[in-house]
Amino acid sequence: MWEYVKGSEADFTDAPKWATHLIFCSTEKPPVDDGDARCWASGVEKGSRWQSVDDIKNGSDMCHPTHWHVIAERRKVEELQSRTNDDKLARDVAAVATLEQKGYEWCGGALWKPPIGPVPDFILKEQQAFDTVQRPAHYNQSGIECIDAIAAAVKGKSGIEAVLVGNVIKYLWRYELKGGLESLLKAQWYLEKLIQEKTDDKP
C-alpha cells in the first residue's frame, strides 16, 4: 500500500514494484521534460536504482542525481507507520524525562509516584484554568466569594427584588477587575430597577 507524496496513483500505473519515483533527466535550466528521458527510480540520491520508462535503457546506479527531477513520488505505508511509531517513542521518552525531572518515580506500567514537595508547574496551570471557571478572581476578593455575599444579602428577599439586589452586588463587586465602567453602568441599571420596584410597592 502506497501514500502518494507527489502526483497520484495514475502516475505509477506501469511502474515496477520497487519504483518510488517517476523522474526525468535534464541538464537545462530551468529543467525541461520532453517525455523522452523519463525513468522509474528508487530514489533521487546517488546510487539509486533506475530504469527507463520505455524499457529502452536499463540503468543500475544513479551517477548524477542533480540532473534528475521528480514528477511523482510515493512511499510505502509500512514505512510511514514505522516513522509514526518512532515519533511516538520519541514523545514517550521525552514525557518520561519530564516526569523524572520533576521528581516523579516510576512504579511500573503507567504508575508514577508523585514527588514530595511543591506541586509541579503543569498541575498548577491546570488548577489555575479550573479556578477561572469555579473561582474567578473578579468574584473572589479578600477571600470572600461574591456568591456568598449575594446569598447573605438576599436572605429573606424573594422574586424580582432578590434578583435585582444580587445583580447590583455582582456588578459592583467585579467592576475593578472586569468590565470597569460598563459593570458600574450595569449595576446602576439594576439599582434603578430596584428603586422603581420599591417605589411602586408604596401604598
N, C-alpha and C. Protein backbone atom coordinates (compact mmCIF):
# COMPACT_ATOMS: atom_id res chain seq x y z
N MET A 1 0.86 -1.19 0.00
CA MET A 1 0.00 0.00 0.00
C MET A 1 0.89 1.24 0.00
N TRP A 2 0.51 2.22 -0.82
CA TRP A 2 1.35 3.40 -1.01
C TRP A 2 0.64 4.68 -0.58
N GLU A 3 1.43 5.64 -0.16
CA GLU A 3 0.97 7.02 0.01
C GLU A 3 1.65 7.83 -1.08
N TYR A 4 0.86 8.67 -1.75
CA TYR A 4 1.40 9.43 -2.87
C TYR A 4 1.78 10.84 -2.39
N VAL A 5 3.09 11.06 -2.31
CA VAL A 5 3.64 12.32 -1.81
C VAL A 5 3.51 13.41 -2.85
N LYS A 6 3.74 13.03 -4.11
CA LYS A 6 3.62 13.96 -5.23
C LYS A 6 3.01 13.20 -6.39
N GLY A 7 2.08 13.83 -7.09
CA GLY A 7 1.39 13.12 -8.16
C GLY A 7 0.32 12.19 -7.59
N SER A 8 -0.04 11.14 -8.35
CA SER A 8 -1.11 10.25 -7.92
C SER A 8 -0.82 8.82 -8.37
N GLU A 9 -1.74 7.91 -8.02
CA GLU A 9 -1.59 6.50 -8.37
C GLU A 9 -1.48 6.32 -9.88
N ALA A 10 -2.18 7.18 -10.62
CA ALA A 10 -2.16 7.07 -12.09
C ALA A 10 -0.75 7.24 -12.65
N ASP A 11 0.10 8.00 -11.98
CA ASP A 11 1.46 8.20 -12.46
C ASP A 11 2.29 6.91 -12.38
N PHE A 12 1.86 5.96 -11.55
CA PHE A 12 2.63 4.74 -11.34
C PHE A 12 1.94 3.49 -11.92
N THR A 13 1.03 3.69 -12.89
CA THR A 13 0.26 2.59 -13.46
C THR A 13 1.14 1.44 -13.95
N ASP A 14 2.20 1.74 -14.69
CA ASP A 14 3.07 0.69 -15.25
C ASP A 14 4.41 0.59 -14.53
N ALA A 15 4.47 1.12 -13.33
CA ALA A 15 5.75 1.16 -12.61
C ALA A 15 6.14 -0.20 -12.07
N PRO A 16 7.44 -0.51 -12.05
CA PRO A 16 7.89 -1.72 -11.37
C PRO A 16 7.63 -1.58 -9.86
N LYS A 17 7.50 -2.72 -9.18
CA LYS A 17 7.13 -2.68 -7.76
C LYS A 17 8.11 -1.91 -6.90
N TRP A 18 9.38 -1.90 -7.30
CA TRP A 18 10.40 -1.26 -6.48
C TRP A 18 10.45 0.26 -6.66
N ALA A 19 9.78 0.77 -7.70
CA ALA A 19 9.91 2.20 -8.03
C ALA A 19 9.16 3.08 -7.03
N THR A 20 9.84 4.08 -6.54
CA THR A 20 9.21 5.05 -5.64
C THR A 20 9.12 6.44 -6.27
N HIS A 21 9.79 6.61 -7.44
CA HIS A 21 9.81 7.92 -8.09
C HIS A 21 9.62 7.77 -9.60
N LEU A 22 8.90 8.72 -10.18
CA LEU A 22 8.88 8.90 -11.63
C LEU A 22 9.66 10.18 -11.86
N ILE A 23 10.76 10.08 -12.63
CA ILE A 23 11.66 11.22 -12.78
C ILE A 23 11.99 11.48 -14.25
N PHE A 24 12.57 12.62 -14.53
CA PHE A 24 13.09 12.87 -15.87
C PHE A 24 14.47 13.51 -15.74
N CYS A 25 15.26 13.33 -16.76
CA CYS A 25 16.63 13.85 -16.76
C CYS A 25 16.70 15.11 -17.61
N SER A 26 17.31 16.15 -17.06
CA SER A 26 17.50 17.38 -17.82
C SER A 26 18.67 18.15 -17.23
N THR A 27 19.55 18.60 -18.10
CA THR A 27 20.68 19.43 -17.66
C THR A 27 20.41 20.91 -17.93
N GLU A 28 19.24 21.18 -18.51
CA GLU A 28 18.89 22.56 -18.85
C GLU A 28 18.40 23.31 -17.61
N LYS A 29 18.47 24.63 -17.67
CA LYS A 29 17.96 25.48 -16.60
C LYS A 29 17.03 26.52 -17.19
N PRO A 30 15.75 26.53 -16.82
CA PRO A 30 15.11 25.55 -15.94
C PRO A 30 15.00 24.19 -16.63
N PRO A 31 14.84 23.09 -15.84
CA PRO A 31 14.77 21.75 -16.44
C PRO A 31 13.56 21.60 -17.37
N VAL A 32 13.76 20.88 -18.46
CA VAL A 32 12.70 20.67 -19.46
C VAL A 32 12.38 19.18 -19.53
N ASP A 33 11.09 18.84 -19.41
CA ASP A 33 10.64 17.45 -19.51
C ASP A 33 10.03 17.27 -20.90
N ASP A 34 10.79 16.65 -21.82
CA ASP A 34 10.28 16.43 -23.17
C ASP A 34 9.62 15.07 -23.33
N GLY A 35 9.57 14.30 -22.23
CA GLY A 35 8.92 12.98 -22.26
C GLY A 35 9.80 11.86 -22.71
N ASP A 36 10.98 12.17 -23.27
CA ASP A 36 11.86 11.12 -23.80
C ASP A 36 12.84 10.60 -22.75
N ALA A 37 13.03 11.34 -21.69
CA ALA A 37 14.05 10.94 -20.72
C ALA A 37 13.44 10.60 -19.37
N ARG A 38 12.25 10.01 -19.40
CA ARG A 38 11.57 9.65 -18.15
C ARG A 38 12.04 8.27 -17.67
N CYS A 39 12.15 8.14 -16.34
CA CYS A 39 12.61 6.88 -15.75
C CYS A 39 11.87 6.60 -14.46
N TRP A 40 11.85 5.31 -14.13
CA TRP A 40 11.42 4.89 -12.80
C TRP A 40 12.67 4.88 -11.93
N ALA A 41 12.55 5.19 -10.67
CA ALA A 41 13.72 5.20 -9.80
C ALA A 41 13.33 4.82 -8.38
N SER A 42 14.31 4.34 -7.64
CA SER A 42 14.08 4.00 -6.23
C SER A 42 14.43 5.18 -5.33
N GLY A 43 14.77 6.29 -5.94
CA GLY A 43 15.12 7.49 -5.19
C GLY A 43 15.82 8.46 -6.11
N VAL A 44 16.21 9.60 -5.60
CA VAL A 44 16.94 10.57 -6.41
C VAL A 44 18.28 10.89 -5.74
N GLU A 45 18.85 9.88 -5.08
CA GLU A 45 20.16 10.02 -4.48
C GLU A 45 21.17 9.22 -5.30
N LYS A 46 22.41 9.58 -5.16
CA LYS A 46 23.47 8.86 -5.87
C LYS A 46 23.43 7.38 -5.46
N GLY A 47 23.45 6.51 -6.45
CA GLY A 47 23.40 5.08 -6.18
C GLY A 47 22.01 4.50 -6.25
N SER A 48 20.97 5.36 -6.41
CA SER A 48 19.61 4.86 -6.51
C SER A 48 19.43 4.05 -7.80
N ARG A 49 18.57 3.04 -7.74
CA ARG A 49 18.29 2.22 -8.91
C ARG A 49 17.38 2.98 -9.86
N TRP A 50 17.60 2.84 -11.18
CA TRP A 50 16.71 3.49 -12.14
C TRP A 50 16.54 2.61 -13.37
N GLN A 51 15.43 2.88 -14.07
CA GLN A 51 15.10 2.12 -15.29
C GLN A 51 14.27 3.01 -16.18
N SER A 52 14.59 3.04 -17.45
CA SER A 52 13.86 3.86 -18.42
C SER A 52 12.40 3.43 -18.47
N VAL A 53 11.49 4.40 -18.53
CA VAL A 53 10.05 4.11 -18.59
C VAL A 53 9.71 3.27 -19.81
N ASP A 54 10.35 3.56 -20.96
CA ASP A 54 10.04 2.82 -22.19
C ASP A 54 10.88 1.54 -22.32
N ASP A 55 11.65 1.21 -21.26
CA ASP A 55 12.46 -0.01 -21.22
C ASP A 55 13.58 -0.05 -22.27
N ILE A 56 13.84 1.09 -22.92
CA ILE A 56 14.93 1.12 -23.90
C ILE A 56 16.27 1.07 -23.17
N LYS A 57 16.32 1.79 -22.03
CA LYS A 57 17.55 1.80 -21.26
C LYS A 57 17.28 1.21 -19.88
N ASN A 58 18.16 0.35 -19.44
CA ASN A 58 18.08 -0.18 -18.09
C ASN A 58 19.31 0.24 -17.33
N GLY A 59 19.11 1.09 -16.38
CA GLY A 59 20.24 1.58 -15.61
C GLY A 59 20.42 0.75 -14.35
N SER A 60 21.49 1.02 -13.67
CA SER A 60 21.74 0.33 -12.40
C SER A 60 21.83 1.34 -11.27
N ASP A 61 22.89 2.13 -11.27
CA ASP A 61 23.09 3.11 -10.21
C ASP A 61 23.05 4.52 -10.77
N MET A 62 22.39 5.41 -10.07
CA MET A 62 22.30 6.81 -10.49
C MET A 62 23.62 7.51 -10.19
N CYS A 63 24.19 8.13 -11.20
CA CYS A 63 25.50 8.77 -11.04
C CYS A 63 25.40 10.27 -10.75
N HIS A 64 24.49 10.94 -11.41
CA HIS A 64 24.40 12.40 -11.28
C HIS A 64 22.98 12.81 -10.86
N PRO A 65 22.65 12.66 -9.57
CA PRO A 65 21.28 12.95 -9.12
C PRO A 65 20.82 14.38 -9.37
N THR A 66 21.76 15.33 -9.53
CA THR A 66 21.37 16.72 -9.76
C THR A 66 20.70 16.91 -11.11
N HIS A 67 20.86 15.94 -12.03
CA HIS A 67 20.25 16.04 -13.35
C HIS A 67 18.82 15.47 -13.38
N TRP A 68 18.45 14.78 -12.30
CA TRP A 68 17.14 14.12 -12.26
C TRP A 68 16.14 14.99 -11.50
N HIS A 69 14.92 15.04 -12.02
CA HIS A 69 13.88 15.89 -11.44
C HIS A 69 12.61 15.06 -11.24
N VAL A 70 11.97 15.24 -10.08
CA VAL A 70 10.84 14.38 -9.67
C VAL A 70 9.54 14.85 -10.30
N ILE A 71 8.85 13.90 -10.94
CA ILE A 71 7.50 14.15 -11.47
C ILE A 71 6.46 13.65 -10.46
N ALA A 72 6.71 12.45 -9.92
CA ALA A 72 5.80 11.86 -8.95
C ALA A 72 6.61 11.05 -7.94
N GLU A 73 6.06 10.94 -6.72
CA GLU A 73 6.75 10.20 -5.67
C GLU A 73 5.73 9.48 -4.80
N ARG A 74 6.09 8.27 -4.37
CA ARG A 74 5.22 7.51 -3.47
C ARG A 74 6.07 6.86 -2.37
N ARG A 75 5.40 6.57 -1.23
CA ARG A 75 6.08 5.90 -0.13
C ARG A 75 5.21 4.77 0.39
N LYS A 76 5.84 3.69 0.84
CA LYS A 76 5.09 2.58 1.40
C LYS A 76 4.50 2.98 2.75
N VAL A 77 3.25 2.59 2.97
CA VAL A 77 2.56 2.95 4.22
C VAL A 77 3.28 2.34 5.42
N GLU A 78 3.83 1.14 5.27
CA GLU A 78 4.54 0.50 6.38
C GLU A 78 5.69 1.38 6.87
N GLU A 79 6.36 2.04 5.92
CA GLU A 79 7.46 2.93 6.30
C GLU A 79 6.93 4.13 7.08
N LEU A 80 5.76 4.62 6.64
CA LEU A 80 5.16 5.75 7.34
C LEU A 80 4.76 5.35 8.75
N GLN A 81 4.19 4.12 8.89
CA GLN A 81 3.78 3.64 10.20
C GLN A 81 4.99 3.50 11.12
N SER A 82 6.09 3.00 10.55
CA SER A 82 7.32 2.86 11.33
C SER A 82 7.81 4.22 11.80
N ARG A 83 7.71 5.22 10.88
CA ARG A 83 8.14 6.56 11.23
C ARG A 83 7.24 7.13 12.33
N THR A 84 5.91 6.84 12.22
CA THR A 84 4.96 7.29 13.23
C THR A 84 5.29 6.67 14.58
N ASN A 85 5.61 5.36 14.57
CA ASN A 85 5.97 4.67 15.82
C ASN A 85 7.22 5.27 16.43
N ASP A 86 8.19 5.62 15.56
CA ASP A 86 9.42 6.24 16.05
C ASP A 86 9.13 7.59 16.70
N ASP A 87 8.23 8.36 16.06
CA ASP A 87 7.84 9.67 16.61
C ASP A 87 7.17 9.50 17.97
N LYS A 88 6.29 8.48 18.06
CA LYS A 88 5.58 8.22 19.33
C LYS A 88 6.58 7.83 20.41
N LEU A 89 7.54 6.98 20.05
CA LEU A 89 8.55 6.58 21.01
C LEU A 89 9.35 7.78 21.50
N ALA A 90 9.68 8.68 20.57
CA ALA A 90 10.44 9.88 20.94
C ALA A 90 9.63 10.74 21.91
N ARG A 91 8.30 10.85 21.65
CA ARG A 91 7.44 11.63 22.54
C ARG A 91 7.36 10.97 23.92
N ASP A 92 7.26 9.63 23.95
CA ASP A 92 7.18 8.91 25.22
C ASP A 92 8.45 9.10 26.03
N VAL A 93 9.60 9.01 25.35
CA VAL A 93 10.89 9.20 26.03
C VAL A 93 10.97 10.61 26.62
N ALA A 94 10.50 11.60 25.84
CA ALA A 94 10.52 12.99 26.32
C ALA A 94 9.59 13.16 27.52
N ALA A 95 8.43 12.48 27.50
CA ALA A 95 7.47 12.57 28.61
C ALA A 95 8.07 11.97 29.88
N VAL A 96 8.72 10.81 29.73
CA VAL A 96 9.36 10.16 30.88
C VAL A 96 10.44 11.07 31.46
N ALA A 97 11.25 11.67 30.58
CA ALA A 97 12.32 12.56 31.04
C ALA A 97 11.74 13.74 31.81
N THR A 98 10.60 14.27 31.34
CA THR A 98 9.95 15.40 32.01
C THR A 98 9.48 15.00 33.40
N LEU A 99 8.84 13.81 33.51
CA LEU A 99 8.35 13.35 34.80
C LEU A 99 9.51 13.13 35.78
N GLU A 100 10.57 12.50 35.29
CA GLU A 100 11.72 12.25 36.15
C GLU A 100 12.38 13.55 36.60
N GLN A 101 12.41 14.53 35.68
CA GLN A 101 12.99 15.82 36.00
C GLN A 101 12.20 16.52 37.10
N LYS A 102 10.89 16.29 37.12
CA LYS A 102 10.03 16.92 38.11
C LYS A 102 9.93 16.09 39.40
N GLY A 103 10.73 15.01 39.47
CA GLY A 103 10.80 14.26 40.72
C GLY A 103 9.86 13.08 40.84
N TYR A 104 9.16 12.73 39.75
CA TYR A 104 8.26 11.58 39.79
C TYR A 104 9.09 10.29 39.75
N GLU A 105 8.57 9.25 40.42
CA GLU A 105 9.26 7.96 40.48
C GLU A 105 8.40 6.90 39.82
N TRP A 106 8.97 6.18 38.85
CA TRP A 106 8.22 5.17 38.10
C TRP A 106 7.98 3.95 38.98
N CYS A 107 6.73 3.47 39.02
CA CYS A 107 6.35 2.32 39.85
C CYS A 107 5.94 1.13 39.00
N GLY A 108 6.20 1.17 37.69
CA GLY A 108 5.83 0.07 36.81
C GLY A 108 4.57 0.40 36.03
N GLY A 109 4.51 -0.08 34.77
CA GLY A 109 3.33 0.18 33.94
C GLY A 109 3.14 1.66 33.71
N ALA A 110 1.91 2.13 33.96
CA ALA A 110 1.60 3.55 33.79
C ALA A 110 1.58 4.27 35.14
N LEU A 111 2.09 3.64 36.20
CA LEU A 111 2.02 4.22 37.54
C LEU A 111 3.28 5.03 37.85
N TRP A 112 3.07 6.25 38.30
CA TRP A 112 4.16 7.13 38.71
C TRP A 112 3.85 7.70 40.08
N LYS A 113 4.83 7.63 40.97
CA LYS A 113 4.67 8.18 42.32
C LYS A 113 5.06 9.66 42.30
N PRO A 114 4.13 10.54 42.70
CA PRO A 114 4.47 11.97 42.65
C PRO A 114 5.52 12.33 43.69
N PRO A 115 6.25 13.40 43.45
CA PRO A 115 7.29 13.81 44.40
C PRO A 115 6.67 14.43 45.64
N ILE A 116 7.44 14.42 46.73
CA ILE A 116 7.01 15.13 47.94
C ILE A 116 7.61 16.52 47.84
N GLY A 117 6.76 17.51 47.95
CA GLY A 117 7.24 18.88 47.83
C GLY A 117 6.27 19.72 47.04
N PRO A 118 6.73 20.81 46.44
CA PRO A 118 5.84 21.72 45.70
C PRO A 118 5.15 21.01 44.54
N VAL A 119 3.93 21.45 44.26
CA VAL A 119 3.18 20.90 43.13
C VAL A 119 3.84 21.31 41.83
N PRO A 120 4.04 20.38 40.88
CA PRO A 120 4.68 20.74 39.59
C PRO A 120 3.92 21.85 38.88
N ASP A 121 4.66 22.66 38.12
CA ASP A 121 4.08 23.80 37.43
C ASP A 121 2.90 23.43 36.55
N PHE A 122 3.03 22.27 35.82
CA PHE A 122 1.98 21.95 34.86
C PHE A 122 0.67 21.64 35.57
N ILE A 123 0.72 21.14 36.83
CA ILE A 123 -0.51 20.90 37.59
C ILE A 123 -1.08 22.23 38.06
N LEU A 124 -0.21 23.14 38.48
CA LEU A 124 -0.67 24.46 38.91
C LEU A 124 -1.41 25.19 37.79
N LYS A 125 -0.89 25.05 36.55
CA LYS A 125 -1.53 25.71 35.42
C LYS A 125 -2.91 25.14 35.18
N GLU A 126 -3.05 23.80 35.31
CA GLU A 126 -4.37 23.18 35.16
C GLU A 126 -5.31 23.69 36.25
N GLN A 127 -4.79 23.82 37.47
CA GLN A 127 -5.61 24.29 38.58
C GLN A 127 -6.05 25.73 38.35
N GLN A 128 -5.13 26.55 37.81
CA GLN A 128 -5.49 27.94 37.53
C GLN A 128 -6.59 28.01 36.49
N ALA A 129 -6.51 27.14 35.46
CA ALA A 129 -7.55 27.11 34.43
C ALA A 129 -8.88 26.72 35.05
N PHE A 130 -8.83 25.78 36.00
CA PHE A 130 -10.05 25.34 36.69
C PHE A 130 -10.64 26.48 37.50
N ASP A 131 -9.75 27.25 38.18
CA ASP A 131 -10.22 28.34 39.02
C ASP A 131 -10.90 29.45 38.23
N THR A 132 -10.51 29.66 36.98
CA THR A 132 -11.15 30.71 36.19
C THR A 132 -12.63 30.40 35.96
N VAL A 133 -13.00 29.12 36.08
CA VAL A 133 -14.41 28.73 35.93
C VAL A 133 -15.09 28.66 37.29
N GLN A 134 -14.43 27.98 38.24
CA GLN A 134 -15.04 27.74 39.54
C GLN A 134 -14.90 28.91 40.52
N ARG A 135 -13.73 29.56 40.46
CA ARG A 135 -13.48 30.66 41.40
C ARG A 135 -12.73 31.79 40.71
N PRO A 136 -13.36 32.46 39.75
CA PRO A 136 -12.66 33.54 39.03
C PRO A 136 -12.24 34.66 39.97
N ALA A 137 -11.10 35.26 39.68
CA ALA A 137 -10.54 36.29 40.56
C ALA A 137 -11.47 37.48 40.75
N HIS A 138 -12.22 37.83 39.69
CA HIS A 138 -13.07 39.03 39.80
C HIS A 138 -14.31 38.79 40.67
N TYR A 139 -14.53 37.54 41.09
CA TYR A 139 -15.62 37.25 42.02
C TYR A 139 -15.10 36.75 43.36
N ASN A 140 -13.81 36.93 43.61
CA ASN A 140 -13.22 36.46 44.85
C ASN A 140 -12.28 37.53 45.36
N GLN A 141 -12.72 38.28 46.36
CA GLN A 141 -11.91 39.37 46.88
C GLN A 141 -11.73 39.21 48.38
N SER A 142 -10.48 39.34 48.82
CA SER A 142 -10.14 39.21 50.23
C SER A 142 -10.62 37.88 50.81
N GLY A 143 -10.64 36.84 49.96
CA GLY A 143 -11.03 35.52 50.44
C GLY A 143 -12.53 35.33 50.53
N ILE A 144 -13.31 36.33 50.12
CA ILE A 144 -14.77 36.23 50.18
C ILE A 144 -15.31 36.02 48.77
N GLU A 145 -16.13 35.00 48.60
CA GLU A 145 -16.75 34.73 47.31
C GLU A 145 -17.95 35.64 47.11
N CYS A 146 -18.06 36.21 45.93
CA CYS A 146 -19.19 37.08 45.61
C CYS A 146 -20.52 36.36 45.82
N ILE A 147 -20.57 35.09 45.41
CA ILE A 147 -21.83 34.33 45.52
C ILE A 147 -22.27 34.20 46.98
N ASP A 148 -21.27 34.11 47.89
CA ASP A 148 -21.60 34.02 49.32
C ASP A 148 -22.15 35.35 49.83
N ALA A 149 -21.56 36.44 49.36
CA ALA A 149 -22.03 37.77 49.76
C ALA A 149 -23.45 38.01 49.26
N ILE A 150 -23.71 37.60 48.01
CA ILE A 150 -25.06 37.76 47.44
C ILE A 150 -26.06 36.93 48.23
N ALA A 151 -25.68 35.69 48.56
CA ALA A 151 -26.59 34.81 49.31
C ALA A 151 -26.98 35.45 50.64
N ALA A 152 -25.99 36.07 51.31
CA ALA A 152 -26.28 36.72 52.58
C ALA A 152 -27.16 37.96 52.38
N ALA A 153 -26.91 38.71 51.30
CA ALA A 153 -27.64 39.96 51.06
C ALA A 153 -29.10 39.71 50.68
N VAL A 154 -29.40 38.61 49.98
CA VAL A 154 -30.77 38.39 49.51
C VAL A 154 -31.57 37.47 50.44
N LYS A 155 -30.94 37.09 51.56
CA LYS A 155 -31.66 36.24 52.52
C LYS A 155 -32.91 36.97 53.01
N GLY A 156 -34.04 36.33 52.92
CA GLY A 156 -35.30 36.95 53.32
C GLY A 156 -35.99 37.70 52.20
N LYS A 157 -35.30 37.87 51.08
CA LYS A 157 -35.92 38.53 49.92
C LYS A 157 -36.36 37.46 48.93
N SER A 158 -37.22 37.80 48.02
CA SER A 158 -37.68 36.83 47.03
C SER A 158 -38.02 37.53 45.73
N GLY A 159 -38.26 36.71 44.71
CA GLY A 159 -38.69 37.23 43.42
C GLY A 159 -37.72 38.20 42.79
N ILE A 160 -38.31 39.20 42.11
CA ILE A 160 -37.51 40.15 41.35
C ILE A 160 -36.61 40.99 42.24
N GLU A 161 -37.03 41.24 43.49
CA GLU A 161 -36.20 42.03 44.40
C GLU A 161 -34.87 41.31 44.66
N ALA A 162 -34.93 40.00 44.92
CA ALA A 162 -33.71 39.23 45.17
C ALA A 162 -32.80 39.24 43.93
N VAL A 163 -33.40 39.11 42.74
CA VAL A 163 -32.63 39.12 41.50
C VAL A 163 -31.92 40.46 41.32
N LEU A 164 -32.66 41.56 41.53
CA LEU A 164 -32.08 42.89 41.31
C LEU A 164 -30.98 43.19 42.32
N VAL A 165 -31.19 42.86 43.58
CA VAL A 165 -30.17 43.08 44.62
C VAL A 165 -28.91 42.27 44.28
N GLY A 166 -29.11 41.01 43.89
CA GLY A 166 -27.97 40.15 43.55
C GLY A 166 -27.15 40.71 42.41
N ASN A 167 -27.82 41.24 41.38
CA ASN A 167 -27.09 41.79 40.23
C ASN A 167 -26.38 43.10 40.56
N VAL A 168 -26.98 43.93 41.39
CA VAL A 168 -26.30 45.15 41.82
C VAL A 168 -24.99 44.80 42.52
N ILE A 169 -25.07 43.84 43.44
CA ILE A 169 -23.87 43.43 44.19
C ILE A 169 -22.84 42.82 43.23
N LYS A 170 -23.30 41.95 42.33
CA LYS A 170 -22.38 41.27 41.41
C LYS A 170 -21.57 42.26 40.58
N TYR A 171 -22.24 43.26 39.98
CA TYR A 171 -21.52 44.18 39.11
C TYR A 171 -20.65 45.17 39.88
N LEU A 172 -21.08 45.56 41.10
CA LEU A 172 -20.23 46.41 41.92
C LEU A 172 -19.01 45.63 42.42
N TRP A 173 -19.22 44.38 42.70
CA TRP A 173 -18.16 43.51 43.23
C TRP A 173 -17.00 43.35 42.24
N ARG A 174 -17.34 43.25 40.97
CA ARG A 174 -16.32 42.88 39.99
C ARG A 174 -15.77 44.04 39.16
N TYR A 175 -16.34 45.24 39.27
CA TYR A 175 -16.05 46.28 38.28
C TYR A 175 -14.58 46.65 38.17
N GLU A 176 -13.82 46.57 39.27
CA GLU A 176 -12.41 46.94 39.20
C GLU A 176 -11.58 45.89 38.44
N LEU A 177 -12.03 44.64 38.44
CA LEU A 177 -11.29 43.56 37.80
C LEU A 177 -11.88 43.14 36.46
N LYS A 178 -13.15 43.45 36.23
CA LYS A 178 -13.78 43.06 34.98
C LYS A 178 -14.88 44.07 34.61
N GLY A 179 -14.75 44.62 33.43
CA GLY A 179 -15.82 45.47 32.92
C GLY A 179 -15.65 46.95 33.16
N GLY A 180 -15.05 47.33 34.30
CA GLY A 180 -14.85 48.75 34.59
C GLY A 180 -16.15 49.54 34.57
N LEU A 181 -16.18 50.61 33.79
CA LEU A 181 -17.34 51.49 33.71
C LEU A 181 -18.58 50.73 33.26
N GLU A 182 -18.42 49.78 32.34
CA GLU A 182 -19.57 49.01 31.85
C GLU A 182 -20.23 48.25 33.00
N SER A 183 -19.44 47.67 33.89
CA SER A 183 -20.00 46.96 35.03
C SER A 183 -20.72 47.93 35.97
N LEU A 184 -20.15 49.14 36.16
CA LEU A 184 -20.80 50.15 37.01
C LEU A 184 -22.15 50.58 36.42
N LEU A 185 -22.20 50.74 35.11
CA LEU A 185 -23.45 51.13 34.45
C LEU A 185 -24.50 50.03 34.56
N LYS A 186 -24.06 48.77 34.49
CA LYS A 186 -24.99 47.65 34.67
C LYS A 186 -25.53 47.64 36.10
N ALA A 187 -24.62 47.87 37.07
CA ALA A 187 -25.05 47.94 38.47
C ALA A 187 -26.06 49.06 38.65
N GLN A 188 -25.80 50.20 38.00
CA GLN A 188 -26.72 51.35 38.09
C GLN A 188 -28.09 50.99 37.51
N TRP A 189 -28.08 50.28 36.38
CA TRP A 189 -29.34 49.90 35.73
C TRP A 189 -30.17 49.02 36.65
N TYR A 190 -29.52 48.02 37.27
CA TYR A 190 -30.26 47.14 38.18
C TYR A 190 -30.70 47.87 39.44
N LEU A 191 -29.89 48.83 39.92
CA LEU A 191 -30.26 49.61 41.09
C LEU A 191 -31.48 50.48 40.80
N GLU A 192 -31.50 51.10 39.63
CA GLU A 192 -32.66 51.93 39.26
C GLU A 192 -33.92 51.08 39.15
N LYS A 193 -33.79 49.87 38.61
CA LYS A 193 -34.94 48.96 38.54
C LYS A 193 -35.42 48.60 39.95
N LEU A 194 -34.45 48.39 40.87
CA LEU A 194 -34.81 48.06 42.25
C LEU A 194 -35.54 49.22 42.91
N ILE A 195 -35.03 50.44 42.69
CA ILE A 195 -35.67 51.64 43.25
C ILE A 195 -37.08 51.78 42.70
N GLN A 196 -37.24 51.52 41.39
CA GLN A 196 -38.56 51.60 40.77
C GLN A 196 -39.51 50.58 41.38
N GLU A 197 -39.00 49.36 41.59
CA GLU A 197 -39.83 48.29 42.18
C GLU A 197 -40.28 48.71 43.58
N LYS A 198 -39.36 49.22 44.37
CA LYS A 198 -39.71 49.60 45.76
C LYS A 198 -40.63 50.80 45.77
N THR A 199 -40.46 51.73 44.78
CA THR A 199 -41.35 52.89 44.70
C THR A 199 -42.77 52.44 44.35
N ASP A 200 -42.87 51.51 43.42
CA ASP A 200 -44.19 51.01 43.01
C ASP A 200 -44.89 50.24 44.11
N ASP A 201 -44.11 49.72 45.05
CA ASP A 201 -44.68 48.94 46.15
C ASP A 201 -45.32 49.81 47.21
N LYS A 202 -44.96 51.13 47.22
CA LYS A 202 -45.51 52.03 48.25
C LYS A 202 -47.01 52.22 48.04
N PRO A 203 -47.76 52.24 49.18
CA PRO A 203 -49.22 52.42 49.07
C PRO A 203 -49.58 53.83 48.62
